[in-house]
Amino acid sequence: AFDERLRRVDQALHAAQKDPSERA
């Protein structure tokens, strides 16, 4: 669970850096 959570945070952080939308 921890590995999966870390992976999702990493993906979301990169997405938020590329796209500053409300969804990101």
mmCIF file of all heavy atoms, coordinates in Angstrom:
data_MODEL
# 
_entry.id   MODEL 
# 
loop_
_atom_site.group_PDB 
_atom_site.id 
_atom_site.type_symbol 
_atom_site.label_atom_id 
_atom_site.label_alt_id 
_atom_site.label_comp_id 
_atom_site.label_asym_id 
_atom_site.label_entity_id 
_atom_site.label_seq_id 
_atom_site.pdbx_PDB_ins_code 
_atom_site.Cartn_x 
_atom_site.Cartn_y 
_atom_site.Cartn_z 
_atom_site.occupancy 
_atom_site.B_iso_or_equiv 
_atom_site.pdbx_formal_charge 
_atom_site.auth_seq_id 
_atom_site.auth_comp_id 
_atom_site.auth_asym_id 
_atom_site.auth_atom_id 
_atom_site.pdbx_PDB_model_num 
ATOM 1   N N   . ALA A 1 1  ? 0.838   -1.203 0.000   1.00 0.00 ? 1  ALA A N   1 
ATOM 2   C CA  . ALA A 1 1  ? 0.000   0.000  0.000   1.00 0.00 ? 1  ALA A CA  1 
ATOM 3   C C   . ALA A 1 1  ? 0.872   1.252  0.000   1.00 0.00 ? 1  ALA A C   1 
ATOM 4   O O   . ALA A 1 1  ? 0.587   2.224  -0.714  1.00 0.00 ? 1  ALA A O   1 
ATOM 5   C CB  . ALA A 1 1  ? -0.924  0.004  1.221   1.00 0.00 ? 1  ALA A CB  1 
ATOM 6   N N   . PHE A 1 2  ? 1.928   1.211  0.765   1.00 0.00 ? 2  PHE A N   1 
ATOM 7   C CA  . PHE A 1 2  ? 2.820   2.355  0.846   1.00 0.00 ? 2  PHE A CA  1 
ATOM 8   C C   . PHE A 1 2  ? 3.485   2.620  -0.500  1.00 0.00 ? 2  PHE A C   1 
ATOM 9   O O   . PHE A 1 2  ? 3.541   3.766  -0.956  1.00 0.00 ? 2  PHE A O   1 
ATOM 10  C CB  . PHE A 1 2  ? 3.868   2.109  1.932   1.00 0.00 ? 2  PHE A CB  1 
ATOM 11  C CG  . PHE A 1 2  ? 4.662   3.320  2.247   1.00 0.00 ? 2  PHE A CG  1 
ATOM 12  C CD1 . PHE A 1 2  ? 4.108   4.368  2.958   1.00 0.00 ? 2  PHE A CD1 1 
ATOM 13  C CD2 . PHE A 1 2  ? 5.959   3.432  1.809   1.00 0.00 ? 2  PHE A CD2 1 
ATOM 14  C CE1 . PHE A 1 2  ? 4.832   5.502  3.237   1.00 0.00 ? 2  PHE A CE1 1 
ATOM 15  C CE2 . PHE A 1 2  ? 6.689   4.561  2.084   1.00 0.00 ? 2  PHE A CE2 1 
ATOM 16  C CZ  . PHE A 1 2  ? 6.130   5.598  2.799   1.00 0.00 ? 2  PHE A CZ  1 
ATOM 17  N N   . ASP A 1 3  ? 3.974   1.590  -1.152  1.00 0.00 ? 3  ASP A N   1 
ATOM 18  C CA  . ASP A 1 3  ? 4.599   1.754  -2.469  1.00 0.00 ? 3  ASP A CA  1 
ATOM 19  C C   . ASP A 1 3  ? 3.605   2.329  -3.481  1.00 0.00 ? 3  ASP A C   1 
ATOM 20  O O   . ASP A 1 3  ? 3.953   3.205  -4.272  1.00 0.00 ? 3  ASP A O   1 
ATOM 21  C CB  . ASP A 1 3  ? 5.146   0.423  -2.978  1.00 0.00 ? 3  ASP A CB  1 
ATOM 22  C CG  . ASP A 1 3  ? 6.401   -0.011 -2.238  1.00 0.00 ? 3  ASP A CG  1 
ATOM 23  O OD1 . ASP A 1 3  ? 7.032   0.829  -1.566  1.00 0.00 ? 3  ASP A OD1 1 
ATOM 24  O OD2 . ASP A 1 3  ? 6.747   -1.206 -2.334  1.00 0.00 ? 3  ASP A OD2 1 
ATOM 25  N N   . GLU A 1 4  ? 2.370   1.848  -3.443  1.00 0.00 ? 4  GLU A N   1 
ATOM 26  C CA  . GLU A 1 4  ? 1.342   2.353  -4.356  1.00 0.00 ? 4  GLU A CA  1 
ATOM 27  C C   . GLU A 1 4  ? 1.028   3.818  -4.068  1.00 0.00 ? 4  GLU A C   1 
ATOM 28  O O   . GLU A 1 4  ? 0.893   4.633  -4.982  1.00 0.00 ? 4  GLU A O   1 
ATOM 29  C CB  . GLU A 1 4  ? 0.076   1.502  -4.239  1.00 0.00 ? 4  GLU A CB  1 
ATOM 30  C CG  . GLU A 1 4  ? -1.085  1.998  -5.070  1.00 0.00 ? 4  GLU A CG  1 
ATOM 31  C CD  . GLU A 1 4  ? -0.847  1.956  -6.568  1.00 0.00 ? 4  GLU A CD  1 
ATOM 32  O OE1 . GLU A 1 4  ? 0.076   1.256  -7.026  1.00 0.00 ? 4  GLU A OE1 1 
ATOM 33  O OE2 . GLU A 1 4  ? -1.586  2.646  -7.294  1.00 0.00 ? 4  GLU A OE2 1 
ATOM 34  N N   . ARG A 1 5  ? 0.920   4.182  -2.803  1.00 0.00 ? 5  ARG A N   1 
ATOM 35  C CA  . ARG A 1 5  ? 0.637   5.572  -2.437  1.00 0.00 ? 5  ARG A CA  1 
ATOM 36  C C   . ARG A 1 5  ? 1.767   6.500  -2.885  1.00 0.00 ? 5  ARG A C   1 
ATOM 37  O O   . ARG A 1 5  ? 1.526   7.593  -3.392  1.00 0.00 ? 5  ARG A O   1 
ATOM 38  C CB  . ARG A 1 5  ? 0.426   5.729  -0.927  1.00 0.00 ? 5  ARG A CB  1 
ATOM 39  C CG  . ARG A 1 5  ? -0.708  4.924  -0.354  1.00 0.00 ? 5  ARG A CG  1 
ATOM 40  C CD  . ARG A 1 5  ? -2.053  5.415  -0.841  1.00 0.00 ? 5  ARG A CD  1 
ATOM 41  N NE  . ARG A 1 5  ? -3.116  4.732  -0.158  1.00 0.00 ? 5  ARG A NE  1 
ATOM 42  C CZ  . ARG A 1 5  ? -3.955  3.885  -0.749  1.00 0.00 ? 5  ARG A CZ  1 
ATOM 43  N NH1 . ARG A 1 5  ? -3.855  3.616  -2.013  1.00 0.00 ? 5  ARG A NH1 1 
ATOM 44  N NH2 . ARG A 1 5  ? -4.917  3.312  -0.066  1.00 0.00 ? 5  ARG A NH2 1 
ATOM 45  N N   . LEU A 1 6  ? 3.000   6.062  -2.690  1.00 0.00 ? 6  LEU A N   1 
ATOM 46  C CA  . LEU A 1 6  ? 4.142   6.868  -3.112  1.00 0.00 ? 6  LEU A CA  1 
ATOM 47  C C   . LEU A 1 6  ? 4.138   7.064  -4.628  1.00 0.00 ? 6  LEU A C   1 
ATOM 48  O O   . LEU A 1 6  ? 4.402   8.165  -5.121  1.00 0.00 ? 6  LEU A O   1 
ATOM 49  C CB  . LEU A 1 6  ? 5.458   6.208  -2.692  1.00 0.00 ? 6  LEU A CB  1 
ATOM 50  C CG  . LEU A 1 6  ? 5.841   6.353  -1.238  1.00 0.00 ? 6  LEU A CG  1 
ATOM 51  C CD1 . LEU A 1 6  ? 7.057   5.502  -0.936  1.00 0.00 ? 6  LEU A CD1 1 
ATOM 52  C CD2 . LEU A 1 6  ? 6.116   7.809  -0.900  1.00 0.00 ? 6  LEU A CD2 1 
ATOM 53  N N   . ARG A 1 7  ? 3.829   6.020  -5.355  1.00 0.00 ? 7  ARG A N   1 
ATOM 54  C CA  . ARG A 1 7  ? 3.787   6.101  -6.812  1.00 0.00 ? 7  ARG A CA  1 
ATOM 55  C C   . ARG A 1 7  ? 2.732   7.114  -7.256  1.00 0.00 ? 7  ARG A C   1 
ATOM 56  O O   . ARG A 1 7  ? 2.979   7.949  -8.122  1.00 0.00 ? 7  ARG A O   1 
ATOM 57  C CB  . ARG A 1 7  ? 3.509   4.724  -7.419  1.00 0.00 ? 7  ARG A CB  1 
ATOM 58  C CG  . ARG A 1 7  ? 3.565   4.684  -8.940  1.00 0.00 ? 7  ARG A CG  1 
ATOM 59  C CD  . ARG A 1 7  ? 3.192   3.317  -9.483  1.00 0.00 ? 7  ARG A CD  1 
ATOM 60  N NE  . ARG A 1 7  ? 1.808   2.948  -9.211  1.00 0.00 ? 7  ARG A NE  1 
ATOM 61  C CZ  . ARG A 1 7  ? 0.747   3.474  -9.854  1.00 0.00 ? 7  ARG A CZ  1 
ATOM 62  N NH1 . ARG A 1 7  ? 0.911   4.370  -10.777 1.00 0.00 ? 7  ARG A NH1 1 
ATOM 63  N NH2 . ARG A 1 7  ? -0.475  3.077  -9.547  1.00 0.00 ? 7  ARG A NH2 1 
ATOM 64  N N   . ARG A 1 8  ? 1.570   7.060  -6.630  1.00 0.00 ? 8  ARG A N   1 
ATOM 65  C CA  . ARG A 1 8  ? 0.490   7.979  -7.016  1.00 0.00 ? 8  ARG A CA  1 
ATOM 66  C C   . ARG A 1 8  ? 0.807   9.430  -6.664  1.00 0.00 ? 8  ARG A C   1 
ATOM 67  O O   . ARG A 1 8  ? 0.481   10.338 -7.415  1.00 0.00 ? 8  ARG A O   1 
ATOM 68  C CB  . ARG A 1 8  ? -0.819  7.550  -6.373  1.00 0.00 ? 8  ARG A CB  1 
ATOM 69  C CG  . ARG A 1 8  ? -1.364  6.305  -7.040  1.00 0.00 ? 8  ARG A CG  1 
ATOM 70  C CD  . ARG A 1 8  ? -2.717  5.959  -6.504  1.00 0.00 ? 8  ARG A CD  1 
ATOM 71  N NE  . ARG A 1 8  ? -3.178  4.728  -7.126  1.00 0.00 ? 8  ARG A NE  1 
ATOM 72  C CZ  . ARG A 1 8  ? -4.444  4.440  -7.297  1.00 0.00 ? 8  ARG A CZ  1 
ATOM 73  N NH1 . ARG A 1 8  ? -5.376  5.262  -6.870  1.00 0.00 ? 8  ARG A NH1 1 
ATOM 74  N NH2 . ARG A 1 8  ? -4.788  3.309  -7.867  1.00 0.00 ? 8  ARG A NH2 1 
ATOM 75  N N   . VAL A 1 9  ? 1.428   9.651  -5.518  1.00 0.00 ? 9  VAL A N   1 
ATOM 76  C CA  . VAL A 1 9  ? 1.828   11.016 -5.152  1.00 0.00 ? 9  VAL A CA  1 
ATOM 77  C C   . VAL A 1 9  ? 2.849   11.537 -6.149  1.00 0.00 ? 9  VAL A C   1 
ATOM 78  O O   . VAL A 1 9  ? 2.763   12.680 -6.607  1.00 0.00 ? 9  VAL A O   1 
ATOM 79  C CB  . VAL A 1 9  ? 2.383   11.078 -3.708  1.00 0.00 ? 9  VAL A CB  1 
ATOM 80  C CG1 . VAL A 1 9  ? 3.107   12.390 -3.451  1.00 0.00 ? 9  VAL A CG1 1 
ATOM 81  C CG2 . VAL A 1 9  ? 1.259   10.894 -2.709  1.00 0.00 ? 9  VAL A CG2 1 
ATOM 82  N N   . ASP A 1 10 ? 3.804   10.706 -6.508  1.00 0.00 ? 10 ASP A N   1 
ATOM 83  C CA  . ASP A 1 10 ? 4.827   11.113 -7.468  1.00 0.00 ? 10 ASP A CA  1 
ATOM 84  C C   . ASP A 1 10 ? 4.195   11.478 -8.806  1.00 0.00 ? 10 ASP A C   1 
ATOM 85  O O   . ASP A 1 10 ? 4.510   12.518 -9.394  1.00 0.00 ? 10 ASP A O   1 
ATOM 86  C CB  . ASP A 1 10 ? 5.851   9.989  -7.637  1.00 0.00 ? 10 ASP A CB  1 
ATOM 87  C CG  . ASP A 1 10 ? 7.036   10.431 -8.464  1.00 0.00 ? 10 ASP A CG  1 
ATOM 88  O OD1 . ASP A 1 10 ? 7.650   11.467 -8.119  1.00 0.00 ? 10 ASP A OD1 1 
ATOM 89  O OD2 . ASP A 1 10 ? 7.350   9.745  -9.462  1.00 0.00 ? 10 ASP A OD2 1 
ATOM 90  N N   . GLN A 1 11 ? 3.285   10.655 -9.298  1.00 0.00 ? 11 GLN A N   1 
ATOM 91  C CA  . GLN A 1 11 ? 2.593   10.944 -10.557 1.00 0.00 ? 11 GLN A CA  1 
ATOM 92  C C   . GLN A 1 11 ? 1.784   12.239 -10.449 1.00 0.00 ? 11 GLN A C   1 
ATOM 93  O O   . GLN A 1 11 ? 1.804   13.068 -11.361 1.00 0.00 ? 11 GLN A O   1 
ATOM 94  C CB  . GLN A 1 11 ? 1.654   9.799  -10.939 1.00 0.00 ? 11 GLN A CB  1 
ATOM 95  C CG  . GLN A 1 11 ? 2.355   8.566  -11.435 1.00 0.00 ? 11 GLN A CG  1 
ATOM 96  C CD  . GLN A 1 11 ? 1.364   7.435  -11.719 1.00 0.00 ? 11 GLN A CD  1 
ATOM 97  O OE1 . GLN A 1 11 ? 0.234   7.441  -11.236 1.00 0.00 ? 11 GLN A OE1 1 
ATOM 98  N NE2 . GLN A 1 11 ? 1.804   6.465  -12.492 1.00 0.00 ? 11 GLN A NE2 1 
ATOM 99  N N   . ALA A 1 12 ? 1.064   12.402 -9.359  1.00 0.00 ? 12 ALA A N   1 
ATOM 100 C CA  . ALA A 1 12 ? 0.232   13.587 -9.185  1.00 0.00 ? 12 ALA A CA  1 
ATOM 101 C C   . ALA A 1 12 ? 1.081   14.848 -9.059  1.00 0.00 ? 12 ALA A C   1 
ATOM 102 O O   . ALA A 1 12 ? 0.709   15.911 -9.573  1.00 0.00 ? 12 ALA A O   1 
ATOM 103 C CB  . ALA A 1 12 ? -0.668  13.422 -7.958  1.00 0.00 ? 12 ALA A CB  1 
ATOM 104 N N   . LEU A 1 13 ? 2.230   14.741 -8.405  1.00 0.00 ? 13 LEU A N   1 
ATOM 105 C CA  . LEU A 1 13 ? 3.117   15.889 -8.261  1.00 0.00 ? 13 LEU A CA  1 
ATOM 106 C C   . LEU A 1 13 ? 3.651   16.322 -9.622  1.00 0.00 ? 13 LEU A C   1 
ATOM 107 O O   . LEU A 1 13 ? 3.656   17.505 -9.955  1.00 0.00 ? 13 LEU A O   1 
ATOM 108 C CB  . LEU A 1 13 ? 4.264   15.549 -7.309  1.00 0.00 ? 13 LEU A CB  1 
ATOM 109 C CG  . LEU A 1 13 ? 5.169   16.679 -6.867  1.00 0.00 ? 13 LEU A CG  1 
ATOM 110 C CD1 . LEU A 1 13 ? 4.371   17.806 -6.241  1.00 0.00 ? 13 LEU A CD1 1 
ATOM 111 C CD2 . LEU A 1 13 ? 6.214   16.167 -5.908  1.00 0.00 ? 13 LEU A CD2 1 
ATOM 112 N N   . HIS A 1 14 ? 4.064   15.351 -10.438 1.00 0.00 ? 14 HIS A N   1 
ATOM 113 C CA  . HIS A 1 14 ? 4.543   15.683 -11.777 1.00 0.00 ? 14 HIS A CA  1 
ATOM 114 C C   . HIS A 1 14 ? 3.423   16.280 -12.632 1.00 0.00 ? 14 HIS A C   1 
ATOM 115 O O   . HIS A 1 14 ? 3.637   17.225 -13.380 1.00 0.00 ? 14 HIS A O   1 
ATOM 116 C CB  . HIS A 1 14 ? 5.142   14.447 -12.455 1.00 0.00 ? 14 HIS A CB  1 
ATOM 117 C CG  . HIS A 1 14 ? 6.487   14.108 -11.930 1.00 0.00 ? 14 HIS A CG  1 
ATOM 118 N ND1 . HIS A 1 14 ? 6.671   13.320 -10.821 1.00 0.00 ? 14 HIS A ND1 1 
ATOM 119 C CD2 . HIS A 1 14 ? 7.723   14.475 -12.341 1.00 0.00 ? 14 HIS A CD2 1 
ATOM 120 C CE1 . HIS A 1 14 ? 7.950   13.205 -10.582 1.00 0.00 ? 14 HIS A CE1 1 
ATOM 121 N NE2 . HIS A 1 14 ? 8.618   13.899 -11.483 1.00 0.00 ? 14 HIS A NE2 1 
ATOM 122 N N   . ALA A 1 15 ? 2.221   15.730 -12.532 1.00 0.00 ? 15 ALA A N   1 
ATOM 123 C CA  . ALA A 1 15 ? 1.087   16.253 -13.297 1.00 0.00 ? 15 ALA A CA  1 
ATOM 124 C C   . ALA A 1 15 ? 0.759   17.684 -12.872 1.00 0.00 ? 15 ALA A C   1 
ATOM 125 O O   . ALA A 1 15 ? 0.462   18.535 -13.719 1.00 0.00 ? 15 ALA A O   1 
ATOM 126 C CB  . ALA A 1 15 ? -0.132  15.354 -13.116 1.00 0.00 ? 15 ALA A CB  1 
ATOM 127 N N   . ALA A 1 16 ? 0.828   17.964 -11.566 1.00 0.00 ? 16 ALA A N   1 
ATOM 128 C CA  . ALA A 1 16 ? 0.534   19.309 -11.072 1.00 0.00 ? 16 ALA A CA  1 
ATOM 129 C C   . ALA A 1 16 ? 1.595   20.311 -11.521 1.00 0.00 ? 16 ALA A C   1 
ATOM 130 O O   . ALA A 1 16 ? 1.291   21.482 -11.745 1.00 0.00 ? 16 ALA A O   1 
ATOM 131 C CB  . ALA A 1 16 ? 0.420   19.303 -9.551  1.00 0.00 ? 16 ALA A CB  1 
ATOM 132 N N   . GLN A 1 17 ? 2.827   19.855 -11.664 1.00 0.00 ? 17 GLN A N   1 
ATOM 133 C CA  . GLN A 1 17 ? 3.884   20.745 -12.135 1.00 0.00 ? 17 GLN A CA  1 
ATOM 134 C C   . GLN A 1 17 ? 3.689   21.086 -13.607 1.00 0.00 ? 17 GLN A C   1 
ATOM 135 O O   . GLN A 1 17 ? 3.948   22.207 -14.025 1.00 0.00 ? 17 GLN A O   1 
ATOM 136 C CB  . GLN A 1 17 ? 5.249   20.111 -11.922 1.00 0.00 ? 17 GLN A CB  1 
ATOM 137 C CG  . GLN A 1 17 ? 5.650   20.065 -10.460 1.00 0.00 ? 17 GLN A CG  1 
ATOM 138 C CD  . GLN A 1 17 ? 6.909   19.275 -10.217 1.00 0.00 ? 17 GLN A CD  1 
ATOM 139 O OE1 . GLN A 1 17 ? 7.258   18.375 -10.982 1.00 0.00 ? 17 GLN A OE1 1 
ATOM 140 N NE2 . GLN A 1 17 ? 7.603   19.590 -9.143  1.00 0.00 ? 17 GLN A NE2 1 
ATOM 141 N N   . LYS A 1 18 ? 3.204   20.123 -14.393 1.00 0.00 ? 18 LYS A N   1 
ATOM 142 C CA  . LYS A 1 18 ? 2.996   20.359 -15.822 1.00 0.00 ? 18 LYS A CA  1 
ATOM 143 C C   . LYS A 1 18 ? 1.712   21.133 -16.092 1.00 0.00 ? 18 LYS A C   1 
ATOM 144 O O   . LYS A 1 18 ? 1.647   21.957 -16.995 1.00 0.00 ? 18 LYS A O   1 
ATOM 145 C CB  . LYS A 1 18 ? 2.942   19.030 -16.571 1.00 0.00 ? 18 LYS A CB  1 
ATOM 146 C CG  . LYS A 1 18 ? 4.271   18.316 -16.640 1.00 0.00 ? 18 LYS A CG  1 
ATOM 147 C CD  . LYS A 1 18 ? 4.129   17.012 -17.383 1.00 0.00 ? 18 LYS A CD  1 
ATOM 148 C CE  . LYS A 1 18 ? 5.427   16.238 -17.378 1.00 0.00 ? 18 LYS A CE  1 
ATOM 149 N NZ  . LYS A 1 18 ? 5.291   14.931 -17.998 1.00 0.00 ? 18 LYS A NZ  1 
ATOM 150 N N   . ASP A 1 19 ? 0.668   20.836 -15.314 1.00 0.00 ? 19 ASP A N   1 
ATOM 151 C CA  . ASP A 1 19 ? -0.656  21.406 -15.565 1.00 0.00 ? 19 ASP A CA  1 
ATOM 152 C C   . ASP A 1 19 ? -1.231  21.936 -14.250 1.00 0.00 ? 19 ASP A C   1 
ATOM 153 O O   . ASP A 1 19 ? -1.604  21.148 -13.386 1.00 0.00 ? 19 ASP A O   1 
ATOM 154 C CB  . ASP A 1 19 ? -1.567  20.313 -16.134 1.00 0.00 ? 19 ASP A CB  1 
ATOM 155 C CG  . ASP A 1 19 ? -3.005  20.774 -16.297 1.00 0.00 ? 19 ASP A CG  1 
ATOM 156 O OD1 . ASP A 1 19 ? -3.242  21.983 -16.395 1.00 0.00 ? 19 ASP A OD1 1 
ATOM 157 O OD2 . ASP A 1 19 ? -3.889  19.904 -16.317 1.00 0.00 ? 19 ASP A OD2 1 
ATOM 158 N N   . PRO A 1 20 ? -1.336  23.253 -14.117 1.00 0.00 ? 20 PRO A N   1 
ATOM 159 C CA  . PRO A 1 20 ? -1.813  23.817 -12.849 1.00 0.00 ? 20 PRO A CA  1 
ATOM 160 C C   . PRO A 1 20 ? -3.331  23.834 -12.686 1.00 0.00 ? 20 PRO A C   1 
ATOM 161 O O   . PRO A 1 20 ? -3.862  24.659 -11.978 1.00 0.00 ? 20 PRO A O   1 
ATOM 162 C CB  . PRO A 1 20 ? -1.257  25.236 -12.902 1.00 0.00 ? 20 PRO A CB  1 
ATOM 163 C CG  . PRO A 1 20 ? -1.228  25.565 -14.349 1.00 0.00 ? 20 PRO A CG  1 
ATOM 164 C CD  . PRO A 1 20 ? -0.892  24.273 -15.048 1.00 0.00 ? 20 PRO A CD  1 
ATOM 165 N N   . SER A 1 21 ? -4.015  22.912 -13.310 1.00 0.00 ? 21 SER A N   1 
ATOM 166 C CA  . SER A 1 21 ? -5.484  22.928 -13.274 1.00 0.00 ? 21 SER A CA  1 
ATOM 167 C C   . SER A 1 21 ? -6.021  22.509 -11.908 1.00 0.00 ? 21 SER A C   1 
ATOM 168 O O   . SER A 1 21 ? -5.319  21.919 -11.082 1.00 0.00 ? 21 SER A O   1 
ATOM 169 C CB  . SER A 1 21 ? -6.037  21.977 -14.338 1.00 0.00 ? 21 SER A CB  1 
ATOM 170 O OG  . SER A 1 21 ? -5.756  20.640 -13.979 1.00 0.00 ? 21 SER A OG  1 
ATOM 171 N N   . GLU A 1 22 ? -7.309  22.796 -11.718 1.00 0.00 ? 22 GLU A N   1 
ATOM 172 C CA  . GLU A 1 22 ? -7.979  22.385 -10.481 1.00 0.00 ? 22 GLU A CA  1 
ATOM 173 C C   . GLU A 1 22 ? -7.985  20.867 -10.353 1.00 0.00 ? 22 GLU A C   1 
ATOM 174 O O   . GLU A 1 22 ? -7.835  20.327 -9.263  1.00 0.00 ? 22 GLU A O   1 
ATOM 175 C CB  . GLU A 1 22 ? -9.416  22.899 -10.464 1.00 0.00 ? 22 GLU A CB  1 
ATOM 176 C CG  . GLU A 1 22 ? -9.524  24.375 -10.258 1.00 0.00 ? 22 GLU A CG  1 
ATOM 177 C CD  . GLU A 1 22 ? -10.955 24.837 -10.207 1.00 0.00 ? 22 GLU A CD  1 
ATOM 178 O OE1 . GLU A 1 22 ? -11.833 24.067 -9.765  1.00 0.00 ? 22 GLU A OE1 1 
ATOM 179 O OE2 . GLU A 1 22 ? -11.203 25.971 -10.614 1.00 0.00 ? 22 GLU A OE2 1 
ATOM 180 N N   . ARG A 1 23 ? -8.161  20.184 -11.474 1.00 0.00 ? 23 ARG A N   1 
ATOM 181 C CA  . ARG A 1 23 ? -8.200  18.718 -11.446 1.00 0.00 ? 23 ARG A CA  1 
ATOM 182 C C   . ARG A 1 23 ? -6.862  18.139 -10.974 1.00 0.00 ? 23 ARG A C   1 
ATOM 183 O O   . ARG A 1 23 ? -6.824  17.230 -10.151 1.00 0.00 ? 23 ARG A O   1 
ATOM 184 C CB  . ARG A 1 23 ? -8.548  18.183 -12.824 1.00 0.00 ? 23 ARG A CB  1 
ATOM 185 C CG  . ARG A 1 23 ? -8.672  16.689 -12.822 1.00 0.00 ? 23 ARG A CG  1 
ATOM 186 C CD  . ARG A 1 23 ? -9.133  16.157 -14.146 1.00 0.00 ? 23 ARG A CD  1 
ATOM 187 N NE  . ARG A 1 23 ? -9.247  14.706 -14.016 1.00 0.00 ? 23 ARG A NE  1 
ATOM 188 C CZ  . ARG A 1 23 ? -9.264  13.895 -15.018 1.00 0.00 ? 23 ARG A CZ  1 
ATOM 189 N NH1 . ARG A 1 23 ? -9.222  14.356 -16.240 1.00 0.00 ? 23 ARG A NH1 1 
ATOM 190 N NH2 . ARG A 1 23 ? -9.347  12.610 -14.824 1.00 0.00 ? 23 ARG A NH2 1 
ATOM 191 N N   . ALA A 1 24 ? -5.763  18.689 -11.494 1.00 0.00 ? 24 ALA A N   1 
ATOM 192 C CA  . ALA A 1 24 ? -4.443  18.213 -11.080 1.00 0.00 ? 24 ALA A CA  1 
ATOM 193 C C   . ALA A 1 24 ? -4.214  18.496 -9.598  1.00 0.00 ? 24 ALA A C   1 
ATOM 194 O O   . ALA A 1 24 ? -3.662  17.668 -8.873  1.00 0.00 ? 24 ALA A O   1 
ATOM 195 C CB  . ALA A 1 24 ? -3.356  18.868 -11.922 1.00 0.00 ? 24 ALA A CB  1 
# 
